Each structure stands twice: as structure tokens, then as C-alpha cells.
């Protein structure tokens, strides 16, 4: 009986220890989120959400009609949570044929100017910090 009690206590101690293990909340890794309306070549519009993470990666998600697709992602330098320059490198883009995110052959580097919590792409498309 002492053997069973011993194993029961070990099991109870392990169960208690595992109960208090916490998972990382994905929101804790977000540095900044920008959102805005976006116009496309075929005169359709949608919403673009650009999220910057604390591991110096970012992603852009397009929401149009019932579609939500990550259209680009990559790395960045700078502090997108403040006014100033943030340089992004596009390492993945969505393939128009199958709508899947794929690595690009040659990464593109772009400079984003953040002024008053806004990213202005210069063509009328503006993302505003959320």
C-alpha cells in the first residue's frame, strides 16, 4: 500500500507542476500593427493589416470580401512602434496562381517612413497604427 501511495503522490506532484506551465501568448510578441484600406489594380479594394513582431519579422494580411490571405512577410530593422524609418525586406510573397505564400528568389528591400503613426505608400494607400 505504501508503494501505491508513493506513486500517487509523485503523480499528483507532476500533475500540479504541469498545471502551472504557461504558454506564450502570441499577442506578447507584437510590436506594432498597422491597418488601412488598400486599392488594387482591378479597382477592387480591401483591408491590409501589417503586423511587426519582436523577433524582427513582419507580415501583411489582405482581407477582401470573404478572403483573408497573408500576402507578404519578411524581416525588418528599425522600430515600427515609433515615428521614423523602418526598413523591411520582403522574403515571401503570395503566388497569384495558387494563392500560397512562397519564398521570393530575390528579396526586396523597402524603406517605410512612419509619421504620426501612419505609413504612407505614396499612392493614396495609408496604414494607420492600431
C-alpha atoms as a PDB file:
ATOM      1  CA  UNK A   1       0.000   0.000   0.000  1.00  0.00           C
ATOM      2  CA  UNK A   2       2.910   2.360   0.742  1.00  0.00           C
ATOM      3  CA  UNK A   3       4.190   1.811  -2.836  1.00  0.00           C
ATOM      4  CA  UNK A   4       0.851   2.858  -4.353  1.00  0.00           C
ATOM      5  CA  UNK A   5       0.690   5.892  -2.077  1.00  0.00           C
ATOM      6  CA  UNK A   6       4.214   6.877  -3.121  1.00  0.00           C
ATOM      7  CA  UNK A   7       3.365   6.657  -6.855  1.00  0.00           C
ATOM      8  CA  UNK A   8       0.110   8.540  -6.285  1.00  0.00           C
ATOM      9  CA  UNK A   9       1.980  11.385  -4.561  1.00  0.00           C
ATOM     10  CA  UNK A  10       4.568  11.525  -7.368  1.00  0.00           C
ATOM     11  CA  UNK A  11       1.768  11.588  -9.955  1.00  0.00           C
ATOM     12  CA  UNK A  12      -0.080  14.328  -8.025  1.00  0.00           C
ATOM     13  CA  UNK A  13       3.103  16.412  -7.776  1.00  0.00           C
ATOM     14  CA  UNK A  14       3.773  16.063 -11.527  1.00  0.00           C
ATOM     15  CA  UNK A  15       0.168  16.934 -12.375  1.00  0.00           C
ATOM     16  CA  UNK A  16       0.343  20.045 -10.191  1.00  0.00           C
ATOM     17  CA  UNK A  17       3.631  21.125 -11.756  1.00  0.00           C
ATOM     18  CA  UNK A  18       2.326  20.671 -15.291  1.00  0.00           C
ATOM     19  CA  UNK A  19      -0.852  22.569 -14.475  1.00  0.00           C
ATOM     20  CA  UNK A  20       1.127  25.756 -13.839  1.00  0.00           C
ATOM     21  CA  UNK A  21       3.153  25.651 -17.063  1.00  0.00           C
ATOM     22  CA  UNK A  22       2.024  28.568 -19.187  1.00  0.00           C
ATOM     23  CA  UNK A  23       2.010  29.003 -22.924  1.00  0.00           C
ATOM     24  CA  UNK A  24       3.397  32.073 -24.648  1.00  0.00           C
ATOM     25  CA  UNK A  25       0.653  34.443 -25.742  1.00  0.00           C
ATOM     26  CA  UNK A  26       1.126  35.388 -29.393  1.00  0.00           C
ATOM     27  CA  UNK A  27      -0.004  38.959 -28.692  1.00  0.00           C
ATOM     28  CA  UNK A  28       3.014  39.429 -26.401  1.00  0.00           C
ATOM     29  CA  UNK A  29       5.285  39.196 -29.444  1.00  0.00           C
ATOM     30  CA  UNK A  30       3.549  42.000 -31.374  1.00  0.00           C
ATOM     31  CA  UNK A  31       5.484  45.275 -31.605  1.00  0.00           C
ATOM     32  CA  UNK A  32       3.071  47.246 -33.820  1.00  0.00           C
ATOM     33  CA  UNK A  33       0.002  46.703 -36.007  1.00  0.00           C
ATOM     34  CA  UNK A  34      -0.998  48.967 -38.893  1.00  0.00           C
ATOM     35  CA  UNK A  35      -4.292  48.741 -40.750  1.00  0.00           C
ATOM     36  CA  UNK A  36      -5.907  50.523 -43.660  1.00  0.00           C
ATOM     37  CA  UNK A  37      -7.866  50.355 -46.879  1.00  0.00           C
ATOM     38  CA  UNK A  38      -5.993  49.260 -49.950  1.00  0.00           C
ATOM     39  CA  UNK A  39      -6.834  49.692 -53.645  1.00  0.00           C
ATOM     40  CA  UNK A  40      -5.857  47.126 -56.260  1.00  0.00           C
ATOM     41  CA  UNK A  41      -5.181  47.174 -59.993  1.00  0.00           C
ATOM     42  CA  UNK A  42      -8.646  45.914 -60.895  1.00  0.00           C
ATOM     43  CA  UNK A  43     -10.332  48.690 -58.873  1.00  0.00           C
ATOM     44  CA  UNK A  44     -11.207  46.305 -56.047  1.00  0.00           C
ATOM     45  CA  UNK A  45     -10.422  47.364 -52.511  1.00  0.00           C
ATOM     46  CA  UNK A  46      -9.833  45.608 -49.251  1.00  0.00           C
ATOM     47  CA  UNK A  47      -8.156  45.959 -45.903  1.00  0.00           C
ATOM     48  CA  UNK A  48      -4.455  45.397 -45.313  1.00  0.00           C
ATOM     49  CA  UNK A  49      -3.106  44.583 -41.849  1.00  0.00           C
ATOM     50  CA  UNK A  50       0.652  44.808 -41.380  1.00  0.00           C
ATOM     51  CA  UNK A  51       1.961  43.291 -38.142  1.00  0.00           C
ATOM     52  CA  UNK A  52       5.507  43.694 -36.811  1.00  0.00           C
ATOM     53  CA  UNK A  53       6.776  41.115 -34.302  1.00  0.00           C
ATOM     54  CA  UNK A  54       9.503  41.358 -31.652  1.00  0.00           C
ATOM     55  CA  UNK A  55      11.697  38.805 -33.456  1.00  0.00           C
ATOM     56  CA  UNK A  56      12.168  41.430 -36.226  1.00  0.00           C
ATOM     57  CA  UNK A  57       9.758  39.736 -38.620  1.00  0.00           C
ATOM     58  CA  UNK A  58       6.592  41.169 -40.154  1.00  0.00           C
ATOM     59  CA  UNK A  59       3.633  40.004 -42.207  1.00  0.00           C
ATOM     60  CA  UNK A  60       0.965  41.662 -44.313  1.00  0.00           C
ATOM     61  CA  UNK A  61      -2.517  40.139 -44.428  1.00  0.00           C
ATOM     62  CA  UNK A  62      -5.042  41.095 -47.090  1.00  0.00           C
ATOM     63  CA  UNK A  63      -8.742  40.951 -46.225  1.00  0.00           C
ATOM     64  CA  UNK A  64     -11.005  41.263 -49.262  1.00  0.00           C
ATOM     65  CA  UNK A  65     -14.583  40.039 -49.418  1.00  0.00           C
ATOM     66  CA  UNK A  66     -14.514  36.648 -47.654  1.00  0.00           C
ATOM     67  CA  UNK A  67     -10.808  36.147 -48.317  1.00  0.00           C
ATOM     68  CA  UNK A  68      -8.017  36.599 -45.773  1.00  0.00           C
ATOM     69  CA  UNK A  69      -4.532  35.821 -47.071  1.00  0.00           C
ATOM     70  CA  UNK A  70      -1.023  36.518 -45.843  1.00  0.00           C
ATOM     71  CA  UNK A  71       0.345  38.184 -48.974  1.00  0.00           C
ATOM     72  CA  UNK A  72       3.863  39.103 -47.831  1.00  0.00           C
ATOM     73  CA  UNK A  73       6.245  38.567 -44.974  1.00  0.00           C
ATOM     74  CA  UNK A  74       9.857  39.140 -44.145  1.00  0.00           C
ATOM     75  CA  UNK A  75      12.286  40.839 -41.764  1.00  0.00           C
ATOM     76  CA  UNK A  76      12.703  44.441 -40.636  1.00  0.00           C
ATOM     77  CA  UNK A  77      15.109  46.814 -38.941  1.00  0.00           C
ATOM     78  CA  UNK A  78      14.148  49.918 -37.016  1.00  0.00           C
ATOM     79  CA  UNK A  79      11.340  50.483 -34.527  1.00  0.00           C
ATOM     80  CA  UNK A  80       7.915  50.333 -36.204  1.00  0.00           C
ATOM     81  CA  UNK A  81       6.228  51.362 -32.956  1.00  0.00           C
ATOM     82  CA  UNK A  82       7.691  54.877 -33.249  1.00  0.00           C
ATOM     83  CA  UNK A  83       7.912  57.618 -35.839  1.00  0.00           C
ATOM     84  CA  UNK A  84      10.917  57.229 -38.097  1.00  0.00           C
ATOM     85  CA  UNK A  85      12.324  54.898 -40.710  1.00  0.00           C
ATOM     86  CA  UNK A  86      11.701  51.155 -40.722  1.00  0.00           C
ATOM     87  CA  UNK A  87      13.368  49.097 -43.423  1.00  0.00           C
ATOM     88  CA  UNK A  88      11.535  45.935 -44.477  1.00  0.00           C
ATOM     89  CA  UNK A  89      12.850  43.027 -46.503  1.00  0.00           C
ATOM     90  CA  UNK A  90      10.231  41.024 -48.390  1.00  0.00           C
ATOM     91  CA  UNK A  91      11.269  37.366 -48.230  1.00  0.00           C
ATOM     92  CA  UNK A  92       7.920  35.729 -49.083  1.00  0.00           C
ATOM     93  CA  UNK A  93       5.074  36.732 -51.406  1.00  0.00           C
ATOM     94  CA  UNK A  94       1.777  35.148 -52.338  1.00  0.00           C
ATOM     95  CA  UNK A  95       1.701  33.357 -55.681  1.00  0.00           C
ATOM     96  CA  UNK A  96      -1.191  34.740 -57.752  1.00  0.00           C
ATOM     97  CA  UNK A  97      -1.845  31.325 -59.308  1.00  0.00           C
ATOM     98  CA  UNK A  98      -2.428  29.222 -56.190  1.00  0.00           C
ATOM     99  CA  UNK A  99      -2.673  31.980 -53.519  1.00  0.00           C
ATOM    100  CA  UNK A 100       0.062  30.329 -51.423  1.00  0.00           C
ATOM    101  CA  UNK A 101       2.885  32.189 -49.713  1.00  0.00           C
ATOM    102  CA  UNK A 102       6.233  31.287 -51.266  1.00  0.00           C
ATOM    103  CA  UNK A 103       9.843  32.438 -50.817  1.00  0.00           C
ATOM    104  CA  UNK A 104      10.983  35.065 -53.313  1.00  0.00           C
ATOM    105  CA  UNK A 105      14.045  34.442 -55.457  1.00  0.00           C
ATOM    106  CA  UNK A 106      15.473  37.889 -54.798  1.00  0.00           C
ATOM    107  CA  UNK A 107      14.335  39.608 -51.553  1.00  0.00           C
ATOM    108  CA  UNK A 108      13.117  43.171 -51.984  1.00  0.00           C
ATOM    109  CA  UNK A 109      14.165  45.912 -49.565  1.00  0.00           C
ATOM    110  CA  UNK A 110      11.818  48.855 -48.981  1.00  0.00           C
ATOM    111  CA  UNK A 111      12.002  51.871 -46.707  1.00  0.00           C
ATOM    112  CA  UNK A 112       8.869  52.743 -44.745  1.00  0.00           C
ATOM    113  CA  UNK A 113       8.539  56.221 -43.324  1.00  0.00           C
ATOM    114  CA  UNK A 114       6.329  56.276 -40.239  1.00  0.00           C
ATOM    115  CA  UNK A 115       4.941  59.731 -39.459  1.00  0.00           C
ATOM    116  CA  UNK A 116       2.307  60.361 -36.773  1.00  0.00           C
ATOM    117  CA  UNK A 117       1.565  56.645 -36.546  1.00  0.00           C
ATOM    118  CA  UNK A 118       0.923  56.293 -40.281  1.00  0.00           C
ATOM    119  CA  UNK A 119       2.677  54.503 -43.124  1.00  0.00           C
ATOM    120  CA  UNK A 120       2.005  56.288 -46.421  1.00  0.00           C
ATOM    121  CA  UNK A 121       2.840  54.232 -49.506  1.00  0.00           C
ATOM    122  CA  UNK A 122       2.611  57.352 -51.674  1.00  0.00           C
ATOM    123  CA  UNK A 123      -0.175  56.116 -53.931  1.00  0.00           C
ATOM    124  CA  UNK A 124      -3.056  57.006 -51.638  1.00  0.00           C
ATOM    125  CA  UNK A 125      -2.769  53.813 -49.573  1.00  0.00           C
ATOM    126  CA  UNK A 126      -2.181  54.619 -45.903  1.00  0.00           C
ATOM    127  CA  UNK A 127      -1.900  52.221 -42.966  1.00  0.00           C
ATOM    128  CA  UNK A 128      -2.676  53.596 -39.505  1.00  0.00           C
ATOM    129  CA  UNK A 129      -1.241  52.228 -36.272  1.00  0.00           C
ATOM    130  CA  UNK A 130      -3.839  50.364 -34.221  1.00  0.00           C
END
